[in-house]
Amino acid sequence: MRTSSVGVISERASKLTNPKGTDRSVHARGSGKLRGSCVLGQSGQSPSDAGVTLIEMLIVMAIIALIAGLSYPSLASGLDTLRLRSTSDAIIGFLNTALARADTRQQVVEIVISPGDGTLTANSGDHGFSKRLEIQSPIKILAVRPGLADAEEQGQTRRFLVYPGGSVPKIAIEIGNSGGRKRLVSIDPITGVPQSVVEGSKKL
């Protein structure tokens, strides 16, 4: 009687632990797969975790803004210097053309400089030659040398005549930008060649 009762109890216990008579090995394999998927899910990255967070984006934007703020002054200064030099080169080309016209065609050429309008014009005596140069902002004509005796007329339109075979007129045009940088374009009285000089430095 004891043996039979023990067998019945064991059989009932096995039914409770394994209902519906499923195979324990199959259950173990299934649970192993489940555990594996859980591990992969914990170690892998979901699509939402693979992107860039808002804080990271703000940090990157702040760094870019800081670098741009630090480099802008030097960049702006370099551009202003480039514009100033380009303008001085244009004035040199303008004066060379006027001097060459008077020498090759044996004609009197009038050079008109208007600081107020920021323009330079050259016209021959027979009106067969005309050339105009406009100084683009922010570059301005600050002064024309030699200066006039009357200080009130310093900004007035100046006229110079270039005679064929004659002495080269003393013309010096001072230009500058809003940053305070200046250049002086003048005609060398000895060689008769226009040149550009940074004020306070040696000839370029």
N, C-alpha and C. Protein backbone atom coordinates (compact mmCIF):
# COMPACT_ATOMS: atom_id res chain seq x y z
N MET A 1 0.83 -1.22 0.00
CA MET A 1 0.00 0.00 0.00
C MET A 1 0.85 1.25 0.00
N ARG A 2 1.95 1.22 0.72
CA ARG A 2 2.81 2.39 0.74
C ARG A 2 3.41 2.66 -0.63
N THR A 3 3.83 1.58 -1.29
CA THR A 3 4.46 1.77 -2.60
C THR A 3 3.50 2.38 -3.60
N SER A 4 2.27 1.92 -3.62
CA SER A 4 1.28 2.45 -4.57
C SER A 4 0.94 3.89 -4.28
N SER A 5 0.84 4.26 -3.03
CA SER A 5 0.51 5.65 -2.69
C SER A 5 1.63 6.60 -3.07
N VAL A 6 2.87 6.13 -2.89
CA VAL A 6 4.00 6.96 -3.28
C VAL A 6 4.02 7.16 -4.80
N GLY A 7 3.70 6.14 -5.54
CA GLY A 7 3.67 6.25 -6.99
C GLY A 7 2.61 7.20 -7.47
N VAL A 8 1.44 7.17 -6.83
CA VAL A 8 0.36 8.08 -7.22
C VAL A 8 0.76 9.53 -6.94
N ILE A 9 1.38 9.72 -5.78
CA ILE A 9 1.79 11.10 -5.43
C ILE A 9 2.84 11.61 -6.41
N SER A 10 3.77 10.77 -6.80
CA SER A 10 4.81 11.19 -7.76
C SER A 10 4.21 11.53 -9.11
N GLU A 11 3.25 10.72 -9.52
CA GLU A 11 2.61 10.98 -10.81
C GLU A 11 1.85 12.28 -10.80
N ARG A 12 1.17 12.59 -9.71
CA ARG A 12 0.45 13.86 -9.62
C ARG A 12 1.42 15.05 -9.61
N ALA A 13 2.53 14.88 -8.92
CA ALA A 13 3.52 15.97 -8.89
C ALA A 13 4.08 16.25 -10.27
N SER A 14 4.33 15.21 -11.06
CA SER A 14 4.85 15.41 -12.42
C SER A 14 3.84 16.08 -13.31
N LYS A 15 2.55 15.80 -13.14
CA LYS A 15 1.51 16.45 -13.93
C LYS A 15 1.42 17.94 -13.61
N LEU A 16 1.61 18.27 -12.33
CA LEU A 16 1.53 19.68 -11.95
C LEU A 16 2.71 20.47 -12.52
N THR A 17 3.89 19.90 -12.48
CA THR A 17 5.06 20.61 -12.99
C THR A 17 5.12 20.63 -14.51
N ASN A 18 4.54 19.62 -15.15
CA ASN A 18 4.57 19.54 -16.61
C ASN A 18 3.16 19.28 -17.12
N PRO A 19 2.31 20.31 -17.15
CA PRO A 19 0.93 20.10 -17.59
C PRO A 19 0.87 19.76 -19.06
N LYS A 20 -0.18 19.09 -19.43
CA LYS A 20 -0.47 18.69 -20.81
C LYS A 20 0.59 17.77 -21.37
N GLY A 21 1.42 17.28 -20.55
CA GLY A 21 2.38 16.27 -20.99
C GLY A 21 3.41 16.76 -21.97
N THR A 22 3.81 18.02 -21.90
CA THR A 22 4.82 18.55 -22.82
C THR A 22 6.18 18.03 -22.46
N ASP A 23 7.05 18.03 -23.44
CA ASP A 23 8.40 17.50 -23.25
C ASP A 23 9.27 18.56 -22.59
N ARG A 24 9.99 18.14 -21.57
CA ARG A 24 10.84 19.09 -20.85
C ARG A 24 12.00 19.56 -21.71
N SER A 25 12.51 18.72 -22.55
CA SER A 25 13.63 19.12 -23.41
C SER A 25 13.22 20.21 -24.38
N VAL A 26 12.00 20.07 -24.93
CA VAL A 26 11.49 21.10 -25.82
C VAL A 26 11.30 22.40 -25.07
N HIS A 27 10.80 22.30 -23.86
CA HIS A 27 10.59 23.49 -23.05
C HIS A 27 11.93 24.17 -22.73
N ALA A 28 12.91 23.33 -22.47
CA ALA A 28 14.23 23.88 -22.16
C ALA A 28 14.83 24.58 -23.37
N ARG A 29 14.67 23.97 -24.57
CA ARG A 29 15.18 24.62 -25.76
C ARG A 29 14.46 25.94 -26.03
N GLY A 30 13.17 25.93 -25.84
CA GLY A 30 12.40 27.15 -26.05
C GLY A 30 12.80 28.25 -25.08
N SER A 31 13.01 27.87 -23.83
CA SER A 31 13.41 28.87 -22.85
C SER A 31 14.80 29.40 -23.15
N GLY A 32 15.66 28.54 -23.71
CA GLY A 32 17.00 28.99 -24.09
C GLY A 32 16.94 30.02 -25.19
N LYS A 33 16.09 29.79 -26.18
CA LYS A 33 15.92 30.77 -27.24
C LYS A 33 15.39 32.08 -26.69
N LEU A 34 14.48 31.98 -25.74
CA LEU A 34 13.91 33.18 -25.16
C LEU A 34 14.98 33.97 -24.41
N ARG A 35 15.81 33.21 -23.68
CA ARG A 35 16.88 33.89 -22.96
C ARG A 35 17.84 34.57 -23.95
N GLY A 36 18.16 33.88 -25.04
CA GLY A 36 19.07 34.45 -26.03
C GLY A 36 18.51 35.72 -26.65
N SER A 37 17.22 35.70 -26.95
CA SER A 37 16.62 36.90 -27.53
C SER A 37 16.60 38.04 -26.54
N CYS A 38 16.43 37.71 -25.27
CA CYS A 38 16.45 38.76 -24.26
C CYS A 38 17.84 39.37 -24.14
N VAL A 39 18.86 38.52 -24.22
CA VAL A 39 20.23 39.02 -24.14
C VAL A 39 20.56 39.90 -25.34
N LEU A 40 20.14 39.45 -26.54
CA LEU A 40 20.38 40.26 -27.72
C LEU A 40 19.64 41.58 -27.64
N GLY A 41 18.45 41.56 -27.11
CA GLY A 41 17.68 42.77 -26.97
C GLY A 41 18.31 43.75 -26.00
N GLN A 42 18.98 43.22 -24.97
CA GLN A 42 19.62 44.10 -24.01
C GLN A 42 20.92 44.68 -24.54
N SER A 43 21.70 43.87 -25.30
CA SER A 43 22.99 44.35 -25.79
C SER A 43 22.88 45.16 -27.08
N GLY A 44 21.92 44.87 -27.95
CA GLY A 44 21.75 45.60 -29.20
C GLY A 44 21.13 46.96 -28.99
N GLN A 45 21.17 47.79 -30.03
CA GLN A 45 20.61 49.14 -29.97
C GLN A 45 19.32 49.19 -30.77
N SER A 46 18.35 49.79 -30.18
CA SER A 46 17.08 49.98 -30.88
C SER A 46 17.21 51.16 -31.83
N PRO A 47 16.33 51.29 -32.80
CA PRO A 47 16.42 52.40 -33.75
C PRO A 47 16.39 53.77 -33.07
N SER A 48 15.69 53.89 -31.95
CA SER A 48 15.62 55.18 -31.27
C SER A 48 16.91 55.56 -30.60
N ASP A 49 17.74 54.54 -30.21
CA ASP A 49 19.00 54.83 -29.54
C ASP A 49 20.13 55.11 -30.52
N ALA A 50 19.96 54.80 -31.82
CA ALA A 50 21.03 54.95 -32.78
C ALA A 50 21.20 56.39 -33.26
N GLY A 51 20.25 57.31 -33.07
CA GLY A 51 20.34 58.67 -33.54
C GLY A 51 21.12 59.58 -32.59
N VAL A 52 21.11 60.91 -32.94
CA VAL A 52 21.80 61.91 -32.14
C VAL A 52 20.78 62.59 -31.23
N THR A 53 21.15 62.74 -29.98
CA THR A 53 20.23 63.36 -29.04
C THR A 53 20.24 64.87 -29.21
N LEU A 54 19.25 65.52 -28.64
CA LEU A 54 19.13 66.97 -28.74
C LEU A 54 20.28 67.68 -28.04
N ILE A 55 20.70 67.14 -26.92
CA ILE A 55 21.82 67.76 -26.17
C ILE A 55 23.10 67.69 -26.98
N GLU A 56 23.37 66.55 -27.62
CA GLU A 56 24.57 66.42 -28.44
C GLU A 56 24.54 67.39 -29.62
N MET A 57 23.38 67.55 -30.22
CA MET A 57 23.26 68.48 -31.34
C MET A 57 23.50 69.92 -30.89
N LEU A 58 22.98 70.29 -29.71
CA LEU A 58 23.18 71.64 -29.20
C LEU A 58 24.65 71.89 -28.88
N ILE A 59 25.34 70.88 -28.36
CA ILE A 59 26.76 71.03 -28.06
C ILE A 59 27.56 71.26 -29.34
N VAL A 60 27.26 70.49 -30.38
CA VAL A 60 27.97 70.65 -31.65
C VAL A 60 27.71 72.03 -32.25
N MET A 61 26.46 72.49 -32.18
CA MET A 61 26.13 73.82 -32.72
C MET A 61 26.83 74.92 -31.94
N ALA A 62 26.95 74.74 -30.62
CA ALA A 62 27.64 75.74 -29.80
C ALA A 62 29.12 75.80 -30.15
N ILE A 63 29.73 74.65 -30.41
CA ILE A 63 31.15 74.62 -30.78
C ILE A 63 31.36 75.30 -32.13
N ILE A 64 30.47 75.01 -33.09
CA ILE A 64 30.58 75.63 -34.42
C ILE A 64 30.43 77.15 -34.32
N ALA A 65 29.47 77.60 -33.51
CA ALA A 65 29.26 79.05 -33.34
C ALA A 65 30.48 79.70 -32.69
N LEU A 66 31.10 79.02 -31.74
CA LEU A 66 32.28 79.57 -31.08
C LEU A 66 33.45 79.69 -32.05
N ILE A 67 33.66 78.66 -32.87
CA ILE A 67 34.75 78.71 -33.84
C ILE A 67 34.51 79.81 -34.87
N ALA A 68 33.25 79.94 -35.33
CA ALA A 68 32.93 80.98 -36.31
C ALA A 68 33.13 82.37 -35.73
N GLY A 69 32.75 82.55 -34.45
CA GLY A 69 32.93 83.85 -33.81
C GLY A 69 34.38 84.23 -33.64
N LEU A 70 35.24 83.25 -33.38
CA LEU A 70 36.66 83.52 -33.21
C LEU A 70 37.36 83.80 -34.54
N SER A 71 36.92 83.15 -35.60
CA SER A 71 37.61 83.30 -36.89
C SER A 71 37.05 84.44 -37.73
N TYR A 72 35.87 84.98 -37.41
CA TYR A 72 35.26 86.03 -38.24
C TYR A 72 36.09 87.31 -38.30
N PRO A 73 36.62 87.83 -37.17
CA PRO A 73 37.40 89.08 -37.26
C PRO A 73 38.60 88.97 -38.19
N SER A 74 39.36 87.89 -38.08
CA SER A 74 40.53 87.74 -38.95
C SER A 74 40.11 87.56 -40.41
N LEU A 75 39.00 86.86 -40.63
CA LEU A 75 38.51 86.69 -42.00
C LEU A 75 38.05 88.01 -42.59
N ALA A 76 37.31 88.80 -41.81
CA ALA A 76 36.85 90.10 -42.30
C ALA A 76 38.02 91.04 -42.57
N SER A 77 39.03 90.99 -41.68
CA SER A 77 40.21 91.83 -41.88
C SER A 77 40.95 91.44 -43.16
N GLY A 78 41.04 90.15 -43.42
CA GLY A 78 41.70 89.70 -44.64
C GLY A 78 40.96 90.13 -45.89
N LEU A 79 39.63 90.09 -45.85
CA LEU A 79 38.84 90.53 -47.00
C LEU A 79 38.97 92.02 -47.23
N ASP A 80 38.99 92.82 -46.16
CA ASP A 80 39.15 94.27 -46.30
C ASP A 80 40.51 94.62 -46.91
N THR A 81 41.54 93.92 -46.45
CA THR A 81 42.87 94.16 -47.01
C THR A 81 42.93 93.78 -48.49
N LEU A 82 42.26 92.68 -48.83
CA LEU A 82 42.24 92.25 -50.23
C LEU A 82 41.52 93.26 -51.10
N ARG A 83 40.39 93.80 -50.63
CA ARG A 83 39.65 94.81 -51.39
C ARG A 83 40.49 96.08 -51.56
N LEU A 84 41.19 96.48 -50.50
CA LEU A 84 41.99 97.69 -50.57
C LEU A 84 43.12 97.54 -51.59
N ARG A 85 43.76 96.38 -51.56
CA ARG A 85 44.85 96.16 -52.52
C ARG A 85 44.31 96.05 -53.94
N SER A 86 43.17 95.41 -54.12
CA SER A 86 42.59 95.30 -55.45
C SER A 86 42.22 96.68 -56.01
N THR A 87 41.71 97.55 -55.14
CA THR A 87 41.36 98.90 -55.58
C THR A 87 42.60 99.69 -55.97
N SER A 88 43.66 99.57 -55.18
CA SER A 88 44.90 100.27 -55.51
C SER A 88 45.48 99.77 -56.83
N ASP A 89 45.37 98.48 -57.09
CA ASP A 89 45.84 97.93 -58.37
C ASP A 89 45.01 98.49 -59.54
N ALA A 90 43.70 98.65 -59.30
CA ALA A 90 42.84 99.21 -60.35
C ALA A 90 43.22 100.66 -60.64
N ILE A 91 43.56 101.43 -59.61
CA ILE A 91 43.96 102.83 -59.82
C ILE A 91 45.29 102.90 -60.57
N ILE A 92 46.22 101.99 -60.23
CA ILE A 92 47.49 101.95 -60.93
C ILE A 92 47.27 101.66 -62.42
N GLY A 93 46.40 100.71 -62.72
CA GLY A 93 46.09 100.40 -64.11
C GLY A 93 45.46 101.58 -64.83
N PHE A 94 44.59 102.31 -64.12
CA PHE A 94 43.94 103.48 -64.70
C PHE A 94 44.98 104.56 -65.05
N LEU A 95 45.88 104.85 -64.12
CA LEU A 95 46.90 105.88 -64.35
C LEU A 95 47.87 105.46 -65.46
N ASN A 96 48.22 104.18 -65.49
CA ASN A 96 49.11 103.68 -66.55
C ASN A 96 48.48 103.87 -67.92
N THR A 97 47.20 103.61 -68.02
CA THR A 97 46.51 103.77 -69.30
C THR A 97 46.50 105.22 -69.76
N ALA A 98 46.25 106.14 -68.80
CA ALA A 98 46.21 107.56 -69.15
C ALA A 98 47.60 108.06 -69.56
N LEU A 99 48.63 107.64 -68.84
CA LEU A 99 49.99 108.07 -69.18
C LEU A 99 50.43 107.50 -70.53
N ALA A 100 50.08 106.23 -70.77
CA ALA A 100 50.46 105.61 -72.04
C ALA A 100 49.74 106.27 -73.21
N ARG A 101 48.51 106.68 -73.00
CA ARG A 101 47.76 107.35 -74.08
C ARG A 101 48.42 108.67 -74.46
N ALA A 102 48.81 109.43 -73.45
CA ALA A 102 49.45 110.72 -73.73
C ALA A 102 50.80 110.54 -74.41
N ASP A 103 51.52 109.50 -74.07
CA ASP A 103 52.86 109.29 -74.62
C ASP A 103 52.81 108.72 -76.03
N THR A 104 51.95 107.73 -76.25
CA THR A 104 51.93 107.06 -77.55
C THR A 104 51.18 107.87 -78.60
N ARG A 105 50.11 108.55 -78.22
CA ARG A 105 49.33 109.32 -79.18
C ARG A 105 49.72 110.79 -79.24
N GLN A 106 50.63 111.18 -78.37
CA GLN A 106 51.07 112.58 -78.33
C GLN A 106 49.87 113.53 -78.16
N GLN A 107 49.07 113.19 -77.17
CA GLN A 107 47.88 113.98 -76.90
C GLN A 107 47.86 114.38 -75.42
N VAL A 108 47.27 115.50 -75.16
CA VAL A 108 47.08 115.93 -73.76
C VAL A 108 45.92 115.14 -73.17
N VAL A 109 46.15 114.56 -72.03
CA VAL A 109 45.12 113.78 -71.34
C VAL A 109 44.82 114.45 -70.00
N GLU A 110 43.55 114.68 -69.76
CA GLU A 110 43.11 115.28 -68.49
C GLU A 110 42.63 114.17 -67.55
N ILE A 111 43.17 114.16 -66.35
CA ILE A 111 42.76 113.20 -65.31
C ILE A 111 41.95 113.96 -64.27
N VAL A 112 40.72 113.49 -64.06
CA VAL A 112 39.80 114.14 -63.12
C VAL A 112 39.54 113.16 -61.97
N ILE A 113 39.78 113.63 -60.74
CA ILE A 113 39.58 112.79 -59.56
C ILE A 113 38.51 113.45 -58.69
N SER A 114 37.44 112.70 -58.42
CA SER A 114 36.32 113.21 -57.61
C SER A 114 36.21 112.39 -56.34
N PRO A 115 36.77 112.85 -55.22
CA PRO A 115 36.67 112.08 -53.97
C PRO A 115 35.24 111.89 -53.49
N GLY A 116 34.41 112.92 -53.69
CA GLY A 116 33.02 112.82 -53.23
C GLY A 116 32.25 111.73 -53.95
N ASP A 117 32.46 111.60 -55.27
CA ASP A 117 31.76 110.58 -56.05
C ASP A 117 32.52 109.25 -56.06
N GLY A 118 33.78 109.30 -55.67
CA GLY A 118 34.59 108.08 -55.72
C GLY A 118 34.88 107.64 -57.14
N THR A 119 35.15 108.59 -58.04
CA THR A 119 35.38 108.26 -59.45
C THR A 119 36.67 108.90 -59.94
N LEU A 120 37.25 108.25 -60.95
CA LEU A 120 38.40 108.79 -61.67
C LEU A 120 38.07 108.71 -63.15
N THR A 121 38.31 109.80 -63.88
CA THR A 121 38.06 109.81 -65.32
C THR A 121 39.28 110.38 -66.03
N ALA A 122 39.48 109.90 -67.24
CA ALA A 122 40.58 110.39 -68.08
C ALA A 122 40.03 110.64 -69.48
N ASN A 123 40.31 111.81 -70.03
CA ASN A 123 39.82 112.18 -71.35
C ASN A 123 40.94 112.84 -72.14
N SER A 124 41.01 112.50 -73.41
CA SER A 124 42.01 113.12 -74.29
C SER A 124 41.48 114.44 -74.82
N GLY A 125 42.41 115.26 -75.36
CA GLY A 125 42.01 116.58 -75.85
C GLY A 125 41.07 116.51 -77.03
N ASP A 126 41.18 115.48 -77.87
CA ASP A 126 40.30 115.38 -79.03
C ASP A 126 39.05 114.55 -78.75
N HIS A 127 38.85 114.20 -77.50
CA HIS A 127 37.69 113.40 -77.05
C HIS A 127 37.64 112.02 -77.70
N GLY A 128 38.77 111.57 -78.20
CA GLY A 128 38.82 110.22 -78.78
C GLY A 128 39.13 109.14 -77.74
N PHE A 129 39.49 109.58 -76.58
CA PHE A 129 39.81 108.63 -75.51
C PHE A 129 39.09 109.04 -74.23
N SER A 130 38.42 108.08 -73.62
CA SER A 130 37.71 108.34 -72.37
C SER A 130 37.73 107.06 -71.53
N LYS A 131 38.10 107.21 -70.28
CA LYS A 131 38.17 106.07 -69.37
C LYS A 131 37.65 106.50 -68.01
N ARG A 132 36.92 105.59 -67.35
CA ARG A 132 36.30 105.91 -66.06
C ARG A 132 36.51 104.74 -65.09
N LEU A 133 36.81 105.09 -63.87
CA LEU A 133 37.00 104.08 -62.81
C LEU A 133 36.18 104.49 -61.60
N GLU A 134 35.36 103.58 -61.11
CA GLU A 134 34.55 103.83 -59.92
C GLU A 134 35.13 103.04 -58.74
N ILE A 135 35.33 103.74 -57.64
CA ILE A 135 35.82 103.11 -56.42
C ILE A 135 34.62 102.52 -55.68
N GLN A 136 34.65 101.22 -55.51
CA GLN A 136 33.53 100.53 -54.90
C GLN A 136 33.60 100.61 -53.37
N SER A 137 32.41 100.78 -52.77
CA SER A 137 32.31 100.77 -51.31
C SER A 137 32.68 99.38 -50.78
N PRO A 138 33.32 99.28 -49.62
CA PRO A 138 33.56 100.31 -48.59
C PRO A 138 34.85 101.10 -48.76
N ILE A 139 35.54 100.95 -49.89
CA ILE A 139 36.76 101.71 -50.11
C ILE A 139 36.38 103.13 -50.53
N LYS A 140 37.09 104.11 -49.99
CA LYS A 140 36.82 105.51 -50.31
C LYS A 140 38.11 106.25 -50.63
N ILE A 141 37.97 107.31 -51.42
CA ILE A 141 39.09 108.22 -51.67
C ILE A 141 39.15 109.20 -50.51
N LEU A 142 40.20 109.11 -49.71
CA LEU A 142 40.30 109.95 -48.52
C LEU A 142 40.90 111.32 -48.83
N ALA A 143 41.87 111.36 -49.73
CA ALA A 143 42.52 112.62 -50.05
C ALA A 143 43.23 112.51 -51.38
N VAL A 144 43.46 113.67 -51.99
CA VAL A 144 44.22 113.78 -53.23
C VAL A 144 45.36 114.75 -52.96
N ARG A 145 46.56 114.30 -53.24
CA ARG A 145 47.75 115.13 -53.00
C ARG A 145 48.40 115.50 -54.33
N PRO A 146 49.06 116.66 -54.38
CA PRO A 146 49.29 117.61 -53.27
C PRO A 146 48.02 118.33 -52.85
N GLY A 147 47.94 118.60 -51.54
CA GLY A 147 46.73 119.21 -51.00
C GLY A 147 46.58 120.66 -51.43
N LEU A 148 45.38 121.15 -51.33
CA LEU A 148 45.09 122.54 -51.67
C LEU A 148 45.34 123.43 -50.47
N ALA A 149 45.55 124.68 -50.76
CA ALA A 149 45.82 125.63 -49.67
C ALA A 149 44.58 125.82 -48.80
N ASP A 150 43.42 125.82 -49.42
CA ASP A 150 42.18 126.00 -48.68
C ASP A 150 41.72 124.64 -48.17
N ALA A 151 41.59 124.51 -46.87
CA ALA A 151 41.20 123.23 -46.27
C ALA A 151 39.78 122.83 -46.66
N GLU A 152 38.92 123.80 -46.94
CA GLU A 152 37.55 123.50 -47.29
C GLU A 152 37.44 122.86 -48.67
N GLU A 153 38.46 123.01 -49.49
CA GLU A 153 38.41 122.48 -50.84
C GLU A 153 39.14 121.14 -50.98
N GLN A 154 39.52 120.55 -49.86
CA GLN A 154 40.27 119.30 -49.92
C GLN A 154 39.46 118.17 -50.56
N GLY A 155 38.17 118.17 -50.35
CA GLY A 155 37.33 117.11 -50.90
C GLY A 155 36.75 117.43 -52.26
N GLN A 156 37.17 118.52 -52.86
CA GLN A 156 36.64 118.93 -54.15
C GLN A 156 37.29 118.14 -55.29
N THR A 157 36.67 118.22 -56.46
CA THR A 157 37.18 117.54 -57.65
C THR A 157 38.50 118.17 -58.07
N ARG A 158 39.47 117.29 -58.36
CA ARG A 158 40.80 117.75 -58.76
C ARG A 158 41.04 117.37 -60.22
N ARG A 159 41.78 118.27 -60.93
CA ARG A 159 42.07 118.06 -62.35
C ARG A 159 43.58 118.17 -62.58
N PHE A 160 44.10 117.19 -63.33
CA PHE A 160 45.52 117.17 -63.65
C PHE A 160 45.67 116.95 -65.15
N LEU A 161 46.66 117.61 -65.75
CA LEU A 161 46.92 117.47 -67.18
C LEU A 161 48.23 116.73 -67.39
N VAL A 162 48.18 115.75 -68.30
CA VAL A 162 49.36 114.97 -68.67
C VAL A 162 49.75 115.39 -70.08
N TYR A 163 50.94 116.02 -70.21
CA TYR A 163 51.40 116.50 -71.52
C TYR A 163 52.34 115.48 -72.15
N PRO A 164 52.20 115.25 -73.44
CA PRO A 164 53.13 114.31 -74.10
C PRO A 164 54.55 114.85 -74.09
N GLY A 165 55.48 114.06 -73.61
CA GLY A 165 56.88 114.48 -73.56
C GLY A 165 57.19 115.42 -72.43
N GLY A 166 56.19 115.80 -71.65
CA GLY A 166 56.43 116.73 -70.55
C GLY A 166 56.68 116.01 -69.24
N SER A 167 56.81 116.77 -68.20
CA SER A 167 57.03 116.18 -66.87
C SER A 167 55.74 115.53 -66.37
N VAL A 168 55.93 114.47 -65.63
CA VAL A 168 54.77 113.74 -65.09
C VAL A 168 54.19 114.53 -63.92
N PRO A 169 52.88 114.73 -63.90
CA PRO A 169 52.28 115.48 -62.79
C PRO A 169 52.39 114.69 -61.48
N LYS A 170 52.53 115.45 -60.41
CA LYS A 170 52.59 114.82 -59.09
C LYS A 170 51.17 114.51 -58.63
N ILE A 171 50.80 113.27 -58.75
CA ILE A 171 49.46 112.83 -58.34
C ILE A 171 49.61 111.75 -57.29
N ALA A 172 48.94 111.92 -56.18
CA ALA A 172 48.92 110.91 -55.11
C ALA A 172 47.49 110.79 -54.60
N ILE A 173 46.96 109.58 -54.62
CA ILE A 173 45.58 109.33 -54.21
C ILE A 173 45.61 108.43 -52.98
N GLU A 174 45.06 108.93 -51.90
CA GLU A 174 44.99 108.16 -50.66
C GLU A 174 43.62 107.50 -50.55
N ILE A 175 43.62 106.20 -50.41
CA ILE A 175 42.36 105.45 -50.26
C ILE A 175 42.39 104.70 -48.92
N GLY A 176 41.21 104.38 -48.44
CA GLY A 176 41.12 103.67 -47.17
C GLY A 176 39.78 102.99 -47.03
N ASN A 177 39.68 102.12 -46.01
CA ASN A 177 38.42 101.42 -45.74
C ASN A 177 37.90 101.80 -44.36
N SER A 178 36.78 101.22 -43.99
CA SER A 178 36.14 101.55 -42.71
C SER A 178 36.96 101.07 -41.52
N GLY A 179 37.86 100.12 -41.74
CA GLY A 179 38.68 99.60 -40.65
C GLY A 179 39.89 100.46 -40.34
N GLY A 180 40.10 101.55 -41.08
CA GLY A 180 41.21 102.44 -40.83
C GLY A 180 42.47 102.13 -41.62
N ARG A 181 42.44 101.11 -42.46
CA ARG A 181 43.61 100.78 -43.29
C ARG A 181 43.67 101.72 -44.49
N LYS A 182 44.89 102.14 -44.84
CA LYS A 182 45.06 103.12 -45.91
C LYS A 182 46.18 102.67 -46.84
N ARG A 183 46.04 103.10 -48.08
CA ARG A 183 47.08 102.91 -49.10
C ARG A 183 47.19 104.20 -49.90
N LEU A 184 48.39 104.45 -50.38
CA LEU A 184 48.65 105.64 -51.17
C LEU A 184 49.14 105.23 -52.55
N VAL A 185 48.39 105.62 -53.56
CA VAL A 185 48.76 105.35 -54.95
C VAL A 185 49.28 106.66 -55.54
N SER A 186 50.51 106.64 -56.01
CA SER A 186 51.13 107.86 -56.53
C SER A 186 51.94 107.56 -57.77
N ILE A 187 52.27 108.62 -58.50
CA ILE A 187 53.12 108.51 -59.68
C ILE A 187 54.53 108.93 -59.29
N ASP A 188 55.48 108.04 -59.47
CA ASP A 188 56.86 108.36 -59.15
C ASP A 188 57.34 109.47 -60.09
N PRO A 189 57.78 110.61 -59.55
CA PRO A 189 58.18 111.72 -60.43
C PRO A 189 59.44 111.44 -61.23
N ILE A 190 60.24 110.47 -60.81
CA ILE A 190 61.49 110.16 -61.51
C ILE A 190 61.26 109.16 -62.64
N THR A 191 60.61 108.06 -62.31
CA THR A 191 60.38 107.00 -63.31
C THR A 191 59.09 107.21 -64.08
N GLY A 192 58.14 107.97 -63.51
CA GLY A 192 56.86 108.17 -64.16
C GLY A 192 55.96 106.95 -64.10
N VAL A 193 56.25 106.04 -63.17
CA VAL A 193 55.48 104.81 -63.04
C VAL A 193 54.61 104.88 -61.78
N PRO A 194 53.31 104.60 -61.89
CA PRO A 194 52.46 104.58 -60.69
C PRO A 194 52.87 103.46 -59.75
N GLN A 195 52.75 103.70 -58.46
CA GLN A 195 53.14 102.73 -57.44
C GLN A 195 52.15 102.79 -56.28
N SER A 196 52.11 101.71 -55.53
CA SER A 196 51.22 101.61 -54.38
C SER A 196 52.04 101.44 -53.12
N VAL A 197 51.70 102.22 -52.10
CA VAL A 197 52.44 102.20 -50.84
C VAL A 197 51.44 102.12 -49.70
N VAL A 198 51.71 101.21 -48.76
CA VAL A 198 50.94 101.17 -47.52
C VAL A 198 51.49 102.27 -46.62
N GLU A 199 50.66 103.17 -46.19
CA GLU A 199 51.13 104.30 -45.40
C GLU A 199 51.74 103.81 -44.10
N GLY A 200 52.95 104.30 -43.85
CA GLY A 200 53.68 103.89 -42.66
C GLY A 200 54.57 102.68 -42.88
N SER A 201 54.67 102.21 -44.14
CA SER A 201 55.52 101.05 -44.45
C SER A 201 56.33 101.36 -45.69
N LYS A 202 57.11 100.37 -46.10
CA LYS A 202 57.93 100.52 -47.29
C LYS A 202 57.09 100.35 -48.55
N LYS A 203 57.65 100.68 -49.68
CA LYS A 203 56.97 100.53 -50.95
C LYS A 203 56.77 99.07 -51.26
N LEU A 204 55.63 98.74 -51.92
CA LEU A 204 55.34 97.35 -52.29
C LEU A 204 55.85 97.09 -53.70
